[in-house]
Amino acid sequence: MSQLNEFQGQHVETTFTHVDRLLLAVEALTEPNLSPFARERPDISADETRLLTAFVQQMRTQMIAALDRLGLTRPSPTMSSRNSADVSLRFAELALADLSARSLRGFGPVDPNAGKELDALVGELKELIQQGRAILHEPESSAIA
């Protein structure tokens, strides 16, 4: 294959990264989701799971082979999973702030008892988030023990 210019190569790499994220979503759907807030019901059979897993692997193998043939760099992890988890918890904390009685007043009057309950719940959930973030900020040696 002929070589691509820098921008074409970046587009191929970016597209493959996007496709891989979508493949990660397919893989995740083949595993039971234990969340009570799951959007999808688990209706993929064991045989379909095996076939989908093989399909995903074949897609990745072909994309890596294409990168090699085109002389493009193979992807490598560049972000810390610890930092990504921390950022996700921070975003969760920000989302919870929108559940306060004060924030909900934008939708109309809030029942005082419901408002107190929501404010207490938001406080409890934020404390749990802080505990999760503390786990991420512990030295690795104590987190493993």
Foldseek 3Di string as FASTA:
>chain_A
DDADDPVVLVVLVVVLVVVLVVLVVVLVLQDDDPDPPDPDDNDQDPVNNVVSVVVSVVSVVVSVVVCVVNVHDDDDDDDDPLVVLLVVLVVVLVVLVCQALVNCCVVPHDDPVVNVVSVVVSVVVNVVSVVVNVLSVDPPVVNVD
